Amino acid sequence: MNRVLLAALLASGSSCLKMSEIVVTDRVTALEEQAGGSFEELELKLTRAGIAPRPLPLTNEELDALGLKAPDTLEDPDSTRMDRLDRLLRQRCVGEGKDGLLVETTRDCRGAVDHDALARMVESTNRARGQLWEWLKKERPKATLDEVRQSWVTTHRQGVVCGGWVQKADGTWEPRSC
């Protein structure tokens, strides 16, 4: 009888299978995370870039519409005289004349500029260039002042800033190509 009872117990224990509980979570498995890649550093950079303050690039027309004055090219305290001149050449407020002198080209000027300060800058630069040509002529006594000036103009034109306003031989103006 014991054998029958033991067989019944064994049969009842083996026939009752219990399923394990299924737990569903919203976390991805390690395998899914590896397959999808981890972009924690990139996400952090993007988040920081999205909240980092920075200036908006506005044109002079947009600044005028907002009631703000565009920065004056001649009044930048952190730039040298040559930096300001290069900016004015690119803005087309000043041009390199075919005779080697600076020329005010205010009708082609793009942007805000103080015309009195511009006139003073053009005058002093032209005066300095004239003095330079006189000195160069003294160094080359056989050359005429016109030859010295033309030689200087040819050399100087190669160093004019890209996009700078220059006068062609026919008298028209164009930006210098580089």
N, C-alpha and C. Protein backbone atom coordinates (compact mmCIF):
# COMPACT_ATOMS: atom_id res chain seq x y z
N MET A 1 0.81 -1.17 0.00
CA MET A 1 0.00 0.00 0.00
C MET A 1 0.86 1.25 0.00
N ASN A 2 1.92 1.10 0.71
CA ASN A 2 2.84 2.23 0.73
C ASN A 2 3.37 2.55 -0.66
N ARG A 3 3.51 1.51 -1.38
CA ARG A 3 4.02 1.74 -2.73
C ARG A 3 2.99 2.46 -3.57
N VAL A 4 1.77 2.16 -3.42
CA VAL A 4 0.72 2.80 -4.20
C VAL A 4 0.59 4.26 -3.76
N LEU A 5 0.66 4.48 -2.49
CA LEU A 5 0.57 5.84 -1.97
C LEU A 5 1.76 6.70 -2.43
N LEU A 6 2.90 6.09 -2.42
CA LEU A 6 4.09 6.80 -2.87
C LEU A 6 4.01 7.08 -4.35
N ALA A 7 3.49 6.15 -5.14
CA ALA A 7 3.34 6.36 -6.57
C ALA A 7 2.32 7.43 -6.85
N ALA A 8 1.26 7.49 -6.04
CA ALA A 8 0.23 8.52 -6.22
C ALA A 8 0.79 9.90 -5.90
N LEU A 9 1.57 9.97 -4.86
CA LEU A 9 2.19 11.25 -4.50
C LEU A 9 3.16 11.72 -5.58
N LEU A 10 3.91 10.80 -6.08
CA LEU A 10 4.85 11.18 -7.14
C LEU A 10 4.12 11.58 -8.41
N ALA A 11 3.07 10.93 -8.74
CA ALA A 11 2.31 11.25 -9.93
C ALA A 11 1.63 12.60 -9.79
N SER A 12 1.10 12.87 -8.62
CA SER A 12 0.43 14.16 -8.42
C SER A 12 1.43 15.31 -8.39
N GLY A 13 2.63 15.10 -7.89
CA GLY A 13 3.66 16.16 -7.83
C GLY A 13 4.24 16.46 -9.19
N SER A 14 4.36 15.45 -10.02
CA SER A 14 4.94 15.67 -11.34
C SER A 14 3.92 16.21 -12.33
N SER A 15 2.65 15.96 -12.08
CA SER A 15 1.64 16.44 -13.02
C SER A 15 1.28 17.89 -12.78
N CYS A 16 1.62 18.43 -11.65
CA CYS A 16 1.27 19.83 -11.35
C CYS A 16 2.48 20.69 -11.61
N LEU A 17 2.51 21.29 -12.75
CA LEU A 17 3.61 22.18 -13.10
C LEU A 17 3.19 23.62 -12.83
N LYS A 18 4.05 24.35 -12.25
CA LYS A 18 3.74 25.74 -11.93
C LYS A 18 4.59 26.64 -12.83
N MET A 19 3.93 27.59 -13.51
CA MET A 19 4.63 28.53 -14.40
C MET A 19 5.23 29.66 -13.56
N SER A 20 6.38 30.11 -13.99
CA SER A 20 7.00 31.23 -13.27
C SER A 20 6.26 32.51 -13.62
N GLU A 21 6.33 33.49 -12.72
CA GLU A 21 5.65 34.77 -12.95
C GLU A 21 6.41 35.56 -14.02
N ILE A 22 5.66 36.21 -14.88
CA ILE A 22 6.26 37.04 -15.92
C ILE A 22 6.22 38.48 -15.45
N VAL A 23 7.38 39.08 -15.45
CA VAL A 23 7.47 40.47 -15.01
C VAL A 23 7.83 41.33 -16.22
N VAL A 24 7.00 42.32 -16.53
CA VAL A 24 7.24 43.21 -17.67
C VAL A 24 7.66 44.58 -17.13
N THR A 25 8.77 45.07 -17.63
CA THR A 25 9.23 46.40 -17.22
C THR A 25 9.44 47.25 -18.46
N ASP A 26 9.62 48.54 -18.26
CA ASP A 26 9.83 49.44 -19.40
C ASP A 26 11.30 49.63 -19.71
N ARG A 27 12.16 48.97 -18.98
CA ARG A 27 13.59 49.09 -19.23
C ARG A 27 14.00 48.12 -20.33
N VAL A 28 14.95 48.57 -21.14
CA VAL A 28 15.44 47.70 -22.20
C VAL A 28 16.45 46.73 -21.62
N THR A 29 16.54 45.61 -22.25
CA THR A 29 17.51 44.62 -21.80
C THR A 29 18.91 45.07 -22.19
N ALA A 30 19.89 44.46 -21.61
CA ALA A 30 21.28 44.81 -21.89
C ALA A 30 21.60 44.59 -23.37
N LEU A 31 21.04 43.53 -23.94
CA LEU A 31 21.29 43.24 -25.34
C LEU A 31 20.68 44.32 -26.24
N GLU A 32 19.46 44.75 -25.91
CA GLU A 32 18.82 45.82 -26.69
C GLU A 32 19.59 47.13 -26.57
N GLU A 33 20.11 47.41 -25.40
CA GLU A 33 20.87 48.63 -25.18
C GLU A 33 22.17 48.61 -25.99
N GLN A 34 22.84 47.46 -26.02
CA GLN A 34 24.06 47.33 -26.80
C GLN A 34 23.77 47.46 -28.29
N ALA A 35 22.67 46.85 -28.74
CA ALA A 35 22.32 46.90 -30.16
C ALA A 35 21.94 48.32 -30.57
N GLY A 36 21.23 49.03 -29.70
CA GLY A 36 20.79 50.38 -30.02
C GLY A 36 21.88 51.42 -29.81
N GLY A 37 22.91 51.09 -29.09
CA GLY A 37 23.97 52.04 -28.82
C GLY A 37 23.60 52.96 -27.68
N SER A 38 24.60 53.51 -27.07
CA SER A 38 24.38 54.44 -25.97
C SER A 38 24.89 55.81 -26.41
N PHE A 39 24.03 56.79 -26.43
CA PHE A 39 24.38 58.13 -26.90
C PHE A 39 24.27 59.15 -25.77
N GLU A 40 24.63 58.72 -24.57
CA GLU A 40 24.48 59.58 -23.40
C GLU A 40 25.28 60.88 -23.56
N GLU A 41 26.53 60.77 -23.99
CA GLU A 41 27.40 61.95 -24.14
C GLU A 41 26.86 62.90 -25.21
N LEU A 42 26.43 62.35 -26.33
CA LEU A 42 25.88 63.17 -27.41
C LEU A 42 24.59 63.86 -26.98
N GLU A 43 23.73 63.14 -26.29
CA GLU A 43 22.49 63.73 -25.80
C GLU A 43 22.77 64.87 -24.83
N LEU A 44 23.79 64.71 -23.99
CA LEU A 44 24.17 65.74 -23.03
C LEU A 44 24.69 66.99 -23.76
N LYS A 45 25.52 66.78 -24.78
CA LYS A 45 26.03 67.91 -25.56
C LYS A 45 24.89 68.66 -26.25
N LEU A 46 23.97 67.93 -26.83
CA LEU A 46 22.83 68.56 -27.51
C LEU A 46 21.97 69.35 -26.54
N THR A 47 21.76 68.80 -25.37
CA THR A 47 20.97 69.49 -24.35
C THR A 47 21.66 70.79 -23.95
N ARG A 48 22.97 70.70 -23.71
CA ARG A 48 23.71 71.91 -23.33
C ARG A 48 23.72 72.95 -24.44
N ALA A 49 23.87 72.51 -25.69
CA ALA A 49 23.89 73.45 -26.82
C ALA A 49 22.53 74.12 -26.98
N GLY A 50 21.48 73.39 -26.68
CA GLY A 50 20.14 73.95 -26.82
C GLY A 50 19.83 75.03 -25.82
N ILE A 51 20.50 75.00 -24.67
CA ILE A 51 20.21 76.00 -23.65
C ILE A 51 21.33 77.03 -23.50
N ALA A 52 22.41 76.90 -24.30
CA ALA A 52 23.53 77.84 -24.20
C ALA A 52 23.16 79.16 -24.88
N PRO A 53 23.34 80.29 -24.20
CA PRO A 53 23.04 81.57 -24.83
C PRO A 53 24.09 81.92 -25.89
N ARG A 54 23.65 82.48 -26.98
CA ARG A 54 24.56 82.92 -28.05
C ARG A 54 23.87 84.01 -28.86
N PRO A 55 24.65 84.84 -29.54
CA PRO A 55 24.04 85.92 -30.31
C PRO A 55 23.35 85.41 -31.58
N LEU A 56 22.36 86.13 -32.00
CA LEU A 56 21.69 85.82 -33.26
C LEU A 56 22.31 86.65 -34.36
N PRO A 57 22.63 86.05 -35.51
CA PRO A 57 23.17 86.84 -36.60
C PRO A 57 22.06 87.66 -37.26
N LEU A 58 22.16 88.98 -37.16
CA LEU A 58 21.16 89.86 -37.74
C LEU A 58 21.82 90.78 -38.77
N THR A 59 21.12 91.07 -39.84
CA THR A 59 21.63 92.01 -40.83
C THR A 59 21.38 93.44 -40.33
N ASN A 60 22.02 94.40 -40.98
CA ASN A 60 21.83 95.80 -40.59
C ASN A 60 20.37 96.22 -40.76
N GLU A 61 19.70 95.70 -41.77
CA GLU A 61 18.30 96.04 -41.99
C GLU A 61 17.42 95.51 -40.86
N GLU A 62 17.71 94.30 -40.38
CA GLU A 62 16.95 93.72 -39.28
C GLU A 62 17.20 94.50 -37.99
N LEU A 63 18.45 94.94 -37.77
CA LEU A 63 18.75 95.76 -36.60
C LEU A 63 18.00 97.08 -36.66
N ASP A 64 17.96 97.71 -37.85
CA ASP A 64 17.22 98.96 -38.01
C ASP A 64 15.74 98.76 -37.72
N ALA A 65 15.19 97.63 -38.19
CA ALA A 65 13.76 97.35 -37.97
C ALA A 65 13.46 97.18 -36.48
N LEU A 66 14.43 96.69 -35.73
CA LEU A 66 14.26 96.51 -34.29
C LEU A 66 14.55 97.80 -33.52
N GLY A 67 14.99 98.83 -34.24
CA GLY A 67 15.30 100.10 -33.58
C GLY A 67 16.68 100.13 -32.96
N LEU A 68 17.56 99.21 -33.38
CA LEU A 68 18.92 99.17 -32.86
C LEU A 68 19.88 99.69 -33.91
N LYS A 69 20.93 100.35 -33.45
CA LYS A 69 21.93 100.88 -34.37
C LYS A 69 22.99 99.82 -34.61
N ALA A 70 23.34 99.60 -35.85
CA ALA A 70 24.40 98.65 -36.18
C ALA A 70 25.73 99.19 -35.68
N PRO A 71 26.64 98.31 -35.28
CA PRO A 71 27.92 98.79 -34.79
C PRO A 71 28.67 99.55 -35.87
N ASP A 72 29.28 100.66 -35.48
CA ASP A 72 30.01 101.49 -36.42
C ASP A 72 31.37 100.87 -36.67
N THR A 73 31.70 100.68 -37.92
CA THR A 73 32.95 100.05 -38.31
C THR A 73 34.16 100.83 -37.84
N LEU A 74 34.05 102.15 -37.79
CA LEU A 74 35.19 102.98 -37.45
C LEU A 74 35.44 103.09 -35.95
N GLU A 75 34.48 102.71 -35.14
CA GLU A 75 34.58 102.92 -33.69
C GLU A 75 34.92 101.68 -32.90
N ASP A 76 35.31 100.60 -33.53
CA ASP A 76 35.63 99.36 -32.82
C ASP A 76 36.98 99.53 -32.12
N PRO A 77 37.00 99.56 -30.78
CA PRO A 77 38.25 99.81 -30.07
C PRO A 77 39.24 98.63 -30.11
N ASP A 78 38.76 97.45 -30.43
CA ASP A 78 39.62 96.26 -30.41
C ASP A 78 40.29 95.98 -31.75
N SER A 79 40.03 96.79 -32.76
CA SER A 79 40.62 96.52 -34.07
C SER A 79 41.66 97.58 -34.42
N THR A 80 42.59 97.18 -35.26
CA THR A 80 43.62 98.10 -35.72
C THR A 80 43.08 98.95 -36.87
N ARG A 81 43.84 99.94 -37.24
CA ARG A 81 43.45 100.80 -38.36
C ARG A 81 43.30 99.98 -39.64
N MET A 82 44.20 99.03 -39.86
CA MET A 82 44.12 98.21 -41.07
C MET A 82 42.91 97.28 -41.03
N ASP A 83 42.56 96.76 -39.85
CA ASP A 83 41.35 95.94 -39.73
C ASP A 83 40.12 96.75 -40.10
N ARG A 84 40.06 97.98 -39.60
CA ARG A 84 38.90 98.85 -39.91
C ARG A 84 38.86 99.17 -41.40
N LEU A 85 40.03 99.41 -41.99
CA LEU A 85 40.09 99.71 -43.42
C LEU A 85 39.65 98.50 -44.24
N ASP A 86 40.09 97.32 -43.84
CA ASP A 86 39.66 96.11 -44.55
C ASP A 86 38.15 95.93 -44.48
N ARG A 87 37.56 96.18 -43.29
CA ARG A 87 36.11 96.08 -43.16
C ARG A 87 35.40 97.09 -44.05
N LEU A 88 35.93 98.31 -44.11
CA LEU A 88 35.34 99.34 -44.96
C LEU A 88 35.45 98.98 -46.44
N LEU A 89 36.56 98.35 -46.82
CA LEU A 89 36.72 97.91 -48.20
C LEU A 89 35.71 96.82 -48.54
N ARG A 90 35.48 95.89 -47.60
CA ARG A 90 34.49 94.83 -47.84
C ARG A 90 33.06 95.37 -47.81
N GLN A 91 32.83 96.42 -47.01
CA GLN A 91 31.50 97.04 -46.95
C GLN A 91 31.25 97.96 -48.14
N ARG A 92 32.28 98.22 -48.92
CA ARG A 92 32.22 99.08 -50.10
C ARG A 92 32.00 100.56 -49.74
N CYS A 93 32.38 100.94 -48.52
CA CYS A 93 32.31 102.35 -48.12
C CYS A 93 33.55 103.09 -48.61
N VAL A 94 34.61 102.34 -48.83
CA VAL A 94 35.88 102.87 -49.32
C VAL A 94 36.35 101.93 -50.41
N GLY A 95 37.01 102.49 -51.41
CA GLY A 95 37.56 101.67 -52.47
C GLY A 95 39.01 102.02 -52.75
N GLU A 96 39.75 101.04 -53.23
CA GLU A 96 41.12 101.26 -53.67
C GLU A 96 41.05 101.79 -55.09
N GLY A 97 41.36 103.07 -55.25
CA GLY A 97 41.32 103.69 -56.57
C GLY A 97 42.42 103.17 -57.48
N LYS A 98 42.21 103.32 -58.78
CA LYS A 98 43.21 102.82 -59.73
C LYS A 98 44.51 103.61 -59.65
N ASP A 99 44.45 104.82 -59.06
CA ASP A 99 45.66 105.64 -58.91
C ASP A 99 46.40 105.35 -57.61
N GLY A 100 45.91 104.41 -56.79
CA GLY A 100 46.58 104.05 -55.55
C GLY A 100 46.04 104.76 -54.33
N LEU A 101 45.13 105.69 -54.51
CA LEU A 101 44.55 106.42 -53.38
C LEU A 101 43.22 105.79 -52.98
N LEU A 102 42.87 105.96 -51.71
CA LEU A 102 41.56 105.51 -51.25
C LEU A 102 40.50 106.49 -51.73
N VAL A 103 39.33 105.97 -52.05
CA VAL A 103 38.23 106.79 -52.54
C VAL A 103 36.99 106.45 -51.71
N GLU A 104 36.28 107.48 -51.25
CA GLU A 104 35.01 107.23 -50.56
C GLU A 104 33.98 106.81 -51.59
N THR A 105 33.36 105.68 -51.36
CA THR A 105 32.33 105.17 -52.27
C THR A 105 31.05 104.98 -51.46
N THR A 106 30.57 106.06 -50.88
CA THR A 106 29.45 105.97 -49.94
C THR A 106 28.14 105.55 -50.60
N ARG A 107 27.97 105.79 -51.87
CA ARG A 107 26.70 105.38 -52.49
C ARG A 107 26.61 103.87 -52.63
N ASP A 108 27.75 103.15 -52.62
CA ASP A 108 27.76 101.69 -52.67
C ASP A 108 27.89 101.07 -51.28
N CYS A 109 28.02 101.90 -50.25
CA CYS A 109 28.30 101.45 -48.88
C CYS A 109 27.17 100.58 -48.33
N ARG A 110 27.56 99.48 -47.72
CA ARG A 110 26.60 98.57 -47.08
C ARG A 110 26.83 98.64 -45.57
N GLY A 111 25.93 99.24 -44.86
CA GLY A 111 26.06 99.30 -43.41
C GLY A 111 26.22 100.72 -42.91
N ALA A 112 26.24 100.84 -41.60
CA ALA A 112 26.32 102.14 -40.95
C ALA A 112 27.77 102.57 -40.82
N VAL A 113 28.02 103.84 -41.10
CA VAL A 113 29.36 104.39 -40.96
C VAL A 113 29.25 105.89 -40.69
N ASP A 114 30.17 106.40 -39.87
CA ASP A 114 30.25 107.83 -39.59
C ASP A 114 31.02 108.48 -40.74
N HIS A 115 30.33 109.29 -41.54
CA HIS A 115 30.94 109.84 -42.76
C HIS A 115 32.07 110.82 -42.45
N ASP A 116 31.99 111.56 -41.36
CA ASP A 116 33.09 112.47 -41.00
C ASP A 116 34.34 111.69 -40.62
N ALA A 117 34.18 110.65 -39.81
CA ALA A 117 35.32 109.81 -39.42
C ALA A 117 35.89 109.09 -40.64
N LEU A 118 35.01 108.67 -41.55
CA LEU A 118 35.45 108.02 -42.78
C LEU A 118 36.29 108.97 -43.62
N ALA A 119 35.83 110.20 -43.76
CA ALA A 119 36.57 111.19 -44.55
C ALA A 119 37.94 111.46 -43.93
N ARG A 120 38.01 111.55 -42.60
CA ARG A 120 39.30 111.77 -41.94
C ARG A 120 40.25 110.59 -42.17
N MET A 121 39.70 109.39 -42.11
CA MET A 121 40.52 108.19 -42.31
C MET A 121 41.06 108.13 -43.74
N VAL A 122 40.20 108.42 -44.71
CA VAL A 122 40.63 108.40 -46.11
C VAL A 122 41.70 109.46 -46.34
N GLU A 123 41.48 110.65 -45.81
CA GLU A 123 42.44 111.74 -46.00
C GLU A 123 43.80 111.41 -45.39
N SER A 124 43.82 110.91 -44.15
CA SER A 124 45.10 110.61 -43.51
C SER A 124 45.81 109.43 -44.19
N THR A 125 45.06 108.45 -44.66
CA THR A 125 45.67 107.31 -45.35
C THR A 125 46.26 107.76 -46.69
N ASN A 126 45.53 108.58 -47.42
CA ASN A 126 46.05 109.08 -48.70
C ASN A 126 47.28 109.95 -48.50
N ARG A 127 47.29 110.76 -47.43
CA ARG A 127 48.45 111.59 -47.13
C ARG A 127 49.66 110.70 -46.83
N ALA A 128 49.44 109.65 -46.04
CA ALA A 128 50.53 108.72 -45.70
C ALA A 128 51.04 108.00 -46.95
N ARG A 129 50.15 107.64 -47.85
CA ARG A 129 50.57 106.98 -49.09
C ARG A 129 51.40 107.93 -49.95
N GLY A 130 50.99 109.18 -50.03
CA GLY A 130 51.76 110.17 -50.79
C GLY A 130 53.16 110.34 -50.21
N GLN A 131 53.27 110.38 -48.89
CA GLN A 131 54.57 110.48 -48.25
C GLN A 131 55.42 109.24 -48.51
N LEU A 132 54.79 108.09 -48.54
CA LEU A 132 55.50 106.85 -48.84
C LEU A 132 56.04 106.87 -50.26
N TRP A 133 55.24 107.35 -51.20
CA TRP A 133 55.69 107.41 -52.60
C TRP A 133 56.86 108.39 -52.75
N GLU A 134 56.81 109.50 -52.03
CA GLU A 134 57.92 110.46 -52.06
C GLU A 134 59.20 109.82 -51.52
N TRP A 135 59.08 109.09 -50.42
CA TRP A 135 60.24 108.43 -49.85
C TRP A 135 60.79 107.37 -50.80
N LEU A 136 59.90 106.58 -51.43
CA LEU A 136 60.34 105.56 -52.38
C LEU A 136 61.05 106.19 -53.58
N LYS A 137 60.58 107.36 -54.01
CA LYS A 137 61.24 108.06 -55.13
C LYS A 137 62.65 108.48 -54.75
N LYS A 138 62.83 108.92 -53.51
CA LYS A 138 64.18 109.29 -53.04
C LYS A 138 65.10 108.08 -53.01
N GLU A 139 64.55 106.92 -52.74
CA GLU A 139 65.34 105.69 -52.72
C GLU A 139 65.70 105.24 -54.14
N ARG A 140 64.89 105.63 -55.11
CA ARG A 140 65.13 105.29 -56.52
C ARG A 140 65.17 106.58 -57.33
N PRO A 141 66.25 107.29 -57.32
CA PRO A 141 66.30 108.62 -57.94
C PRO A 141 66.07 108.61 -59.46
N LYS A 142 66.33 107.50 -60.12
CA LYS A 142 66.17 107.46 -61.58
C LYS A 142 64.71 107.28 -61.99
N ALA A 143 63.87 106.80 -61.08
CA ALA A 143 62.46 106.56 -61.39
C ALA A 143 61.65 107.83 -61.17
N THR A 144 60.59 107.98 -61.94
CA THR A 144 59.69 109.11 -61.74
C THR A 144 58.71 108.77 -60.62
N LEU A 145 58.08 109.81 -60.10
CA LEU A 145 57.09 109.60 -59.04
C LEU A 145 55.95 108.73 -59.54
N ASP A 146 55.55 108.91 -60.80
CA ASP A 146 54.47 108.10 -61.36
C ASP A 146 54.87 106.63 -61.48
N GLU A 147 56.11 106.37 -61.86
CA GLU A 147 56.58 104.98 -61.97
C GLU A 147 56.62 104.31 -60.58
N VAL A 148 57.09 105.07 -59.60
CA VAL A 148 57.14 104.54 -58.23
C VAL A 148 55.72 104.24 -57.74
N ARG A 149 54.80 105.16 -57.97
CA ARG A 149 53.42 104.98 -57.54
C ARG A 149 52.79 103.77 -58.22
N GLN A 150 52.97 103.64 -59.53
CA GLN A 150 52.38 102.50 -60.27
C GLN A 150 52.95 101.17 -59.80
N SER A 151 54.26 101.15 -59.52
CA SER A 151 54.88 99.93 -59.01
C SER A 151 54.29 99.57 -57.64
N TRP A 152 54.10 100.59 -56.79
CA TRP A 152 53.51 100.35 -55.48
C TRP A 152 52.07 99.86 -55.61
N VAL A 153 51.30 100.48 -56.49
CA VAL A 153 49.89 100.10 -56.69
C VAL A 153 49.80 98.64 -57.14
N THR A 154 50.65 98.24 -58.08
CA THR A 154 50.63 96.86 -58.58
C THR A 154 50.90 95.87 -57.45
N THR A 155 51.89 96.18 -56.62
CA THR A 155 52.22 95.30 -55.50
C THR A 155 51.13 95.34 -54.43
N HIS A 156 50.63 96.54 -54.13
CA HIS A 156 49.62 96.70 -53.07
C HIS A 156 48.31 96.00 -53.42
N ARG A 157 47.91 96.01 -54.68
CA ARG A 157 46.65 95.39 -55.10
C ARG A 157 46.62 93.90 -54.80
N GLN A 158 47.78 93.25 -54.78
CA GLN A 158 47.84 91.81 -54.50
C GLN A 158 47.50 91.52 -53.04
N GLY A 159 47.68 92.52 -52.17
CA GLY A 159 47.42 92.33 -50.75
C GLY A 159 46.10 92.87 -50.26
N VAL A 160 45.29 93.42 -51.16
CA VAL A 160 43.99 93.95 -50.76
C VAL A 160 43.11 92.78 -50.30
N VAL A 161 42.36 93.01 -49.24
CA VAL A 161 41.52 91.98 -48.64
C VAL A 161 40.54 91.41 -49.68
N CYS A 162 40.29 90.09 -49.56
CA CYS A 162 39.34 89.44 -50.46
C CYS A 162 37.96 90.10 -50.32
N GLY A 163 37.35 90.42 -51.43
CA GLY A 163 36.04 91.08 -51.41
C GLY A 163 36.15 92.58 -51.26
N GLY A 164 37.37 93.10 -51.12
CA GLY A 164 37.57 94.55 -51.00
C GLY A 164 37.20 95.26 -52.29
N TRP A 165 36.69 96.47 -52.17
CA TRP A 165 36.20 97.26 -53.29
C TRP A 165 37.39 97.88 -54.01
N VAL A 166 37.60 97.54 -55.29
CA VAL A 166 38.72 98.07 -56.08
C VAL A 166 38.21 98.62 -57.40
N GLN A 167 38.93 99.62 -57.88
CA GLN A 167 38.55 100.26 -59.13
C GLN A 167 39.32 99.61 -60.28
N LYS A 168 38.60 99.26 -61.35
CA LYS A 168 39.22 98.67 -62.52
C LYS A 168 39.81 99.78 -63.38
N ALA A 169 40.56 99.40 -64.40
CA ALA A 169 41.21 100.37 -65.28
C ALA A 169 40.20 101.25 -66.01
N ASP A 170 38.99 100.73 -66.29
CA ASP A 170 37.98 101.51 -67.00
C ASP A 170 37.19 102.44 -66.07
N GLY A 171 37.50 102.42 -64.75
CA GLY A 171 36.85 103.31 -63.81
C GLY A 171 35.68 102.71 -63.05
N THR A 172 35.27 101.49 -63.39
CA THR A 172 34.18 100.85 -62.68
C THR A 172 34.73 100.15 -61.44
N TRP A 173 33.83 99.82 -60.51
CA TRP A 173 34.23 99.20 -59.24
C TRP A 173 33.77 97.75 -59.22
N GLU A 174 34.60 96.92 -58.54
CA GLU A 174 34.27 95.52 -58.35
C GLU A 174 34.94 95.00 -57.09
N PRO A 175 34.37 93.95 -56.48
CA PRO A 175 35.05 93.34 -55.34
C PRO A 175 36.25 92.53 -55.82
N ARG A 176 37.34 92.57 -55.04
CA ARG A 176 38.53 91.82 -55.41
C ARG A 176 38.25 90.34 -55.24
N SER A 177 38.55 89.58 -56.27
CA SER A 177 38.38 88.12 -56.18
C SER A 177 39.67 87.52 -55.69
N CYS A 178 39.54 86.41 -54.99
CA CYS A 178 40.74 85.73 -54.44
C CYS A 178 40.86 84.33 -54.99
